[in-house]
Amino acid sequence: MNLIIAIIVGAVAGFHISTWGMYKDSIHEGFTWRKYLRSVVAAMVIAVILQLVTGMELGGAPAMVVFFGLVYAFERLMMELWDAFLRVEDQSKYFIPMQFGIRGKPVYDNRIRWSVGFAVLLVLIFSFWGVNRLQTAFPNTPAWLILVTIGSLGGWMTAVGGAWKDAPVEGFETFKFFRSPGISLFWAILVAFFTDNWTFIAVAGAGYSVTVIETYKTFFFPNKPRGKFAGKPILFPEMLRRRNYFVPVYVLCWILIIGAFVIAFMNPHSGLI
C-alpha cells in the first residue's frame, strides 16, 4: 500500500511540475506529450525509490504532506543536475543558458562539466549526511534554531545556484536571492508540524517553496517571458490558447496539496513543533 500511495503522490507532484513548465515553455519550444509527461514519470520513480529507502509509512495525510515535499524537491534537483551537467543541447535558443557556465557563458568541455557536476553532487550528499549527524549529535537543539538554519538550507542552496546561473546575464537581484530561503523557511515550519527529521524538513521545505515560486511566476505573470526565454520570440503562438486546457490539472493539484495540509492539521500529528 505504501508504494501505491507513493506512486500517487509522485504523480501529483509530477503533473504539478509538468504543467507550470509546459505553460511557460511551450510557446517557445512547442508541446509534446513525451516532454510533458517526463516529470510525471520521473517523480513517480523518485517517489518509489524514496519510499523504499526511507521506509516512510504513508497511510495518513501528515506523512503524505512531508513525502510530497521530498518528492518535489528531489525531482527538481535531479532535473536541474541533468540540464546543467549532463544534457547536451543548443544553448543559443536561451537568454540564460541552462548548461553549467562561468560568468554566463556555457562550458562545453564535458570533462569540466562532469567534474563540476560530480563535485556538486558530493556537496549535496555531504550536506544531507551532515544534517543527519548534527541531529544525532545535538538532539536537544531548540526548534526555532533548527528551522532558521536547517529549515532554510534548501532555499539557500537554490538561491546560490540561481545566482550563479542568472546573475551574470540579468544582474543580481537582492529580493530574488533572499526569496527562496524565506519561502523555504515558511514551508519548513509547516512541515515541522508533521516530522522531527531535520533532513526531511529542509528538503521538503525547499520543495514546497518551488511550488509557490513557480506558481507565482507562471500564472500571476502569464504574458511575461520566462527568464531563460526573455526577449526570445514566440515560435508557437497556438500554445497561447492550447496551454490553458491544462490549467484545471494545475488547479486540481493545488486543491489536493492544500486539502492534504488541512486534513493533516485536523488529524493527530507530531513533529519538531
Protein backbone atom coordinates (compact mmCIF):
# COMPACT_ATOMS: atom_id res chain seq x y z
CA MET A 1 0.00 0.00 0.00
CA ASN A 2 2.85 2.40 0.81
CA LEU A 3 4.24 2.02 -2.71
CA ILE A 4 0.84 2.65 -4.28
CA ILE A 5 0.41 5.84 -2.25
CA ALA A 6 3.97 6.86 -3.12
CA ILE A 7 3.22 6.49 -6.83
CA ILE A 8 0.02 8.57 -6.49
CA VAL A 9 1.86 11.32 -4.57
CA GLY A 10 4.62 11.23 -7.17
CA ALA A 11 2.09 11.58 -9.98
CA VAL A 12 0.52 14.65 -8.36
CA ALA A 13 3.96 16.23 -7.90
CA GLY A 14 4.89 15.37 -11.47
CA PHE A 15 1.73 16.82 -13.02
CA HIS A 16 2.19 19.98 -10.96
CA ILE A 17 5.76 20.39 -12.24
CA SER A 18 4.96 19.41 -15.83
CA THR A 19 2.06 21.84 -16.08
CA TRP A 20 3.84 25.00 -14.97
CA GLY A 21 6.85 24.01 -17.05
CA MET A 22 4.74 23.44 -20.15
CA TYR A 23 2.75 26.62 -19.59
CA LYS A 24 5.87 28.78 -19.65
CA ASP A 25 8.00 26.95 -22.20
CA SER A 26 5.57 25.59 -24.80
CA ILE A 27 5.09 28.93 -26.57
CA HIS A 28 8.84 28.88 -27.29
CA GLU A 29 9.56 25.15 -27.65
CA GLY A 30 6.24 23.65 -28.67
CA PHE A 31 4.35 20.84 -26.97
CA THR A 32 4.87 17.07 -26.98
CA TRP A 33 3.27 14.56 -24.68
CA ARG A 34 6.63 12.90 -24.17
CA LYS A 35 8.13 16.08 -22.76
CA TYR A 36 5.02 16.92 -20.75
CA LEU A 37 4.94 13.51 -19.07
CA ARG A 38 8.70 13.40 -18.42
CA SER A 39 8.48 14.94 -14.96
CA VAL A 40 5.41 12.85 -14.14
CA VAL A 41 7.29 9.62 -14.79
CA ALA A 42 10.44 10.92 -13.09
CA ALA A 43 8.54 11.98 -9.97
CA MET A 44 6.78 8.62 -9.74
CA VAL A 45 10.09 6.74 -9.99
CA ILE A 46 11.69 9.06 -7.42
CA ALA A 47 8.70 8.54 -5.11
CA VAL A 48 9.09 4.76 -5.24
CA ILE A 49 12.83 4.98 -4.56
CA LEU A 50 12.32 7.43 -1.68
CA GLN A 51 9.69 5.23 -0.06
CA LEU A 52 11.91 2.15 -0.32
CA VAL A 53 14.96 4.00 1.01
CA THR A 54 13.25 5.87 3.86
CA GLY A 55 10.62 3.27 4.70
CA MET A 56 8.09 6.04 5.33
CA GLU A 57 4.60 4.94 6.33
CA LEU A 58 2.26 6.89 4.06
CA GLY A 59 -1.09 5.86 5.49
CA GLY A 60 -2.01 9.32 6.77
CA ALA A 61 -2.14 12.88 5.50
CA PRO A 62 0.69 14.14 7.78
CA ALA A 63 3.18 11.69 6.25
CA MET A 64 1.93 12.36 2.71
CA VAL A 65 2.41 16.11 3.19
CA VAL A 66 6.06 15.56 4.11
CA PHE A 67 6.57 12.97 1.37
CA PHE A 68 5.16 15.24 -1.34
CA GLY A 69 7.70 17.95 -0.48
CA LEU A 70 10.53 15.42 -0.62
CA VAL A 71 9.49 14.05 -4.00
CA TYR A 72 9.06 17.53 -5.44
CA ALA A 73 12.47 18.68 -4.24
CA PHE A 74 14.33 15.61 -5.49
CA GLU A 75 12.62 15.70 -8.89
CA ARG A 76 13.63 19.33 -9.35
CA LEU A 77 17.15 18.61 -8.10
CA MET A 78 17.65 15.68 -10.48
CA MET A 79 16.33 17.63 -13.46
CA GLU A 80 18.49 20.66 -12.68
CA LEU A 81 21.60 18.48 -12.39
CA TRP A 82 20.72 16.77 -15.67
CA ASP A 83 20.17 20.05 -17.51
CA ALA A 84 23.29 21.69 -16.13
CA PHE A 85 25.87 18.94 -16.28
CA LEU A 86 24.75 16.05 -18.50
CA ARG A 87 22.33 17.16 -21.23
CA VAL A 88 23.92 18.38 -24.45
CA GLU A 89 21.70 20.98 -26.13
CA ASP A 90 21.96 24.07 -28.29
CA GLN A 91 22.10 26.94 -25.80
CA SER A 92 21.58 29.73 -28.35
CA LYS A 93 17.80 29.41 -28.01
CA TYR A 94 18.03 30.57 -24.39
CA PHE A 95 18.53 34.04 -22.98
CA ILE A 96 20.00 32.42 -19.84
CA PRO A 97 21.97 29.24 -20.68
CA MET A 98 20.74 26.13 -18.90
CA GLN A 99 24.06 24.29 -19.07
CA PHE A 100 26.67 24.91 -16.43
CA GLY A 101 28.57 28.05 -17.28
CA ILE A 102 31.04 30.55 -15.96
CA ARG A 103 30.03 34.22 -15.95
CA GLY A 104 27.02 33.38 -18.06
CA LYS A 105 29.00 31.54 -20.75
CA PRO A 106 28.24 27.81 -21.19
CA VAL A 107 31.09 25.38 -20.60
CA TYR A 108 31.12 22.89 -23.47
CA ASP A 109 34.03 20.75 -22.30
CA ASN A 110 32.29 17.64 -20.95
CA ARG A 111 35.21 16.76 -18.71
CA ILE A 112 34.86 20.07 -16.88
CA ARG A 113 31.06 19.91 -16.71
CA TRP A 114 31.05 16.32 -15.44
CA SER A 115 33.74 17.06 -12.88
CA VAL A 116 31.88 20.09 -11.53
CA GLY A 117 28.62 18.15 -11.55
CA PHE A 118 30.23 15.34 -9.56
CA ALA A 119 31.60 17.86 -7.07
CA VAL A 120 28.15 19.45 -6.67
CA LEU A 121 26.64 16.00 -6.08
CA LEU A 122 29.23 15.28 -3.41
CA VAL A 123 28.44 18.59 -1.69
CA LEU A 124 24.74 17.72 -1.65
CA ILE A 125 25.36 14.23 -0.29
CA PHE A 126 27.72 15.62 2.36
CA SER A 127 25.10 18.21 3.31
CA PHE A 128 22.41 15.55 3.84
CA TRP A 129 24.85 13.41 5.80
CA GLY A 130 25.95 16.41 7.85
CA VAL A 131 22.39 17.35 8.79
CA ASN A 132 21.76 13.79 9.99
CA ARG A 133 24.95 13.83 12.03
CA LEU A 134 24.02 17.17 13.58
CA GLN A 135 20.61 15.85 14.59
CA THR A 136 22.24 12.83 16.24
CA ALA A 137 24.89 14.93 17.99
CA PHE A 138 22.59 17.74 19.16
CA PRO A 139 19.14 16.22 19.74
CA ASN A 140 18.06 18.93 22.17
CA THR A 141 18.63 21.88 19.84
CA PRO A 142 15.77 24.44 20.11
CA ALA A 143 13.22 24.09 17.34
CA TRP A 144 13.49 27.75 16.30
CA LEU A 145 17.25 27.43 15.76
CA ILE A 146 16.82 24.27 13.69
CA LEU A 147 14.20 25.92 11.48
CA VAL A 148 16.14 29.16 10.93
CA THR A 149 19.31 27.27 9.97
CA ILE A 150 18.49 23.79 8.70
CA GLY A 151 14.93 24.62 7.66
CA SER A 152 16.06 27.28 5.21
CA LEU A 153 19.12 25.33 3.98
CA GLY A 154 17.50 24.11 0.77
CA GLY A 155 16.40 27.65 -0.03
CA TRP A 156 19.93 28.98 0.40
CA MET A 157 21.27 26.30 -1.94
CA THR A 158 18.65 27.23 -4.51
CA ALA A 159 19.47 30.92 -4.13
CA VAL A 160 23.20 30.38 -4.63
CA GLY A 161 22.67 28.10 -7.64
CA GLY A 162 20.20 30.52 -9.19
CA ALA A 163 22.50 33.50 -8.67
CA TRP A 164 25.44 31.64 -10.23
CA LYS A 165 23.37 30.90 -13.34
CA ASP A 166 21.22 34.02 -13.69
CA ALA A 167 23.12 36.97 -12.19
CA PRO A 168 25.87 37.20 -14.85
CA VAL A 169 23.15 37.58 -17.52
CA GLU A 170 20.35 39.56 -15.90
CA GLY A 171 22.13 41.09 -12.90
CA PHE A 172 21.93 40.34 -9.21
CA GLU A 173 18.55 40.92 -7.56
CA THR A 174 18.59 41.11 -3.76
CA PHE A 175 14.90 40.25 -3.38
CA LYS A 176 15.20 37.28 -5.72
CA PHE A 177 18.25 35.97 -3.84
CA PHE A 178 16.58 36.05 -0.42
CA ARG A 179 13.17 34.93 -1.72
CA SER A 180 13.92 31.20 -1.79
CA PRO A 181 15.39 30.97 1.75
CA GLY A 182 12.46 32.96 3.15
CA ILE A 183 9.77 30.88 1.46
CA SER A 184 11.64 27.65 2.26
CA LEU A 185 11.67 28.64 5.93
CA PHE A 186 7.91 29.26 5.88
CA TRP A 187 7.19 25.83 4.42
CA ALA A 188 9.78 24.17 6.65
CA ILE A 189 7.83 25.48 9.65
CA LEU A 190 4.63 23.93 8.31
CA VAL A 191 6.34 20.62 7.53
CA ALA A 192 7.89 20.61 11.03
CA PHE A 193 4.43 20.04 12.50
CA PHE A 194 4.47 16.58 10.93
CA THR A 195 8.07 15.35 11.24
CA ASP A 196 11.04 15.85 13.50
CA ASN A 197 13.57 14.68 10.90
CA TRP A 198 15.81 17.66 10.15
CA THR A 199 16.70 16.48 6.64
CA PHE A 200 13.05 15.93 5.73
CA ILE A 201 12.18 19.40 7.00
CA ALA A 202 14.95 21.08 4.98
CA VAL A 203 14.33 19.18 1.75
CA ALA A 204 10.52 19.28 1.86
CA GLY A 205 10.58 22.98 2.70
CA ALA A 206 12.69 23.63 -0.39
CA GLY A 207 10.34 21.50 -2.49
CA TYR A 208 7.26 23.41 -1.41
CA SER A 209 9.00 26.74 -1.96
CA VAL A 210 9.36 25.82 -5.64
CA THR A 211 5.63 25.11 -5.89
CA VAL A 212 4.83 28.64 -4.72
CA ILE A 213 7.56 30.49 -6.62
CA GLU A 214 6.80 28.78 -9.93
CA THR A 215 3.06 29.29 -9.49
CA TYR A 216 3.66 32.99 -8.87
CA LYS A 217 5.99 33.41 -11.85
CA THR A 218 3.87 31.33 -14.21
CA PHE A 219 0.27 32.27 -13.52
CA PHE A 220 0.48 35.72 -11.96
CA PHE A 221 2.51 36.98 -14.91
CA PRO A 222 1.41 34.70 -17.77
CA ASN A 223 2.48 37.12 -20.51
CA LYS A 224 5.95 37.77 -19.10
CA PRO A 225 8.53 35.52 -20.82
CA ARG A 226 10.29 33.08 -18.54
CA GLY A 227 13.79 34.25 -17.58
CA LYS A 228 15.58 31.76 -19.78
CA PHE A 229 13.46 32.86 -22.77
CA ALA A 230 13.43 36.60 -22.03
CA GLY A 231 13.50 38.53 -25.30
CA LYS A 232 13.08 35.38 -27.39
CA PRO A 233 10.28 35.22 -29.99
CA ILE A 234 7.11 33.18 -29.52
CA LEU A 235 7.56 30.39 -32.07
CA PHE A 236 4.36 28.50 -31.28
CA PRO A 237 1.58 31.11 -30.85
CA GLU A 238 -1.11 28.42 -30.92
CA MET A 239 0.12 27.33 -27.49
CA LEU A 240 -1.07 30.63 -26.02
CA ARG A 241 -4.54 29.10 -26.28
CA ARG A 242 -3.84 25.36 -26.01
CA ARG A 243 -1.84 25.65 -22.79
CA ASN A 244 -4.94 26.91 -20.97
CA TYR A 245 -6.53 23.48 -21.39
CA PHE A 246 -4.09 22.20 -18.75
CA VAL A 247 -4.90 24.84 -16.12
CA PRO A 248 -7.62 22.66 -14.49
CA VAL A 249 -4.98 19.97 -13.93
CA TYR A 250 -2.84 22.52 -12.11
CA VAL A 251 -5.76 23.77 -10.04
CA LEU A 252 -6.62 20.18 -9.08
CA CYS A 253 -3.03 19.59 -7.95
CA TRP A 254 -3.21 22.66 -5.70
CA ILE A 255 -6.57 21.54 -4.29
CA LEU A 256 -5.00 18.20 -3.38
CA ILE A 257 -1.95 19.88 -1.80
CA ILE A 258 -3.97 22.33 0.28
CA GLY A 259 -6.53 19.67 1.15
CA ALA A 260 -3.77 17.34 2.38
CA PHE A 261 -2.43 20.06 4.67
CA VAL A 262 -5.90 20.80 6.05
CA ILE A 263 -6.57 17.12 6.74
CA ALA A 264 -3.08 16.71 8.23
CA PHE A 265 -3.66 19.50 10.70
CA MET A 266 -7.12 18.15 11.58
CA ASN A 267 -5.75 14.70 12.35
CA PRO A 268 -3.39 13.67 15.17
CA HIS A 269 0.15 14.60 14.28
CA SER A 270 3.52 15.15 15.86
CA GLY A 271 6.78 16.67 14.77
CA LEU A 272 9.52 19.07 15.67
CA ILE A 273 6.96 21.72 16.64
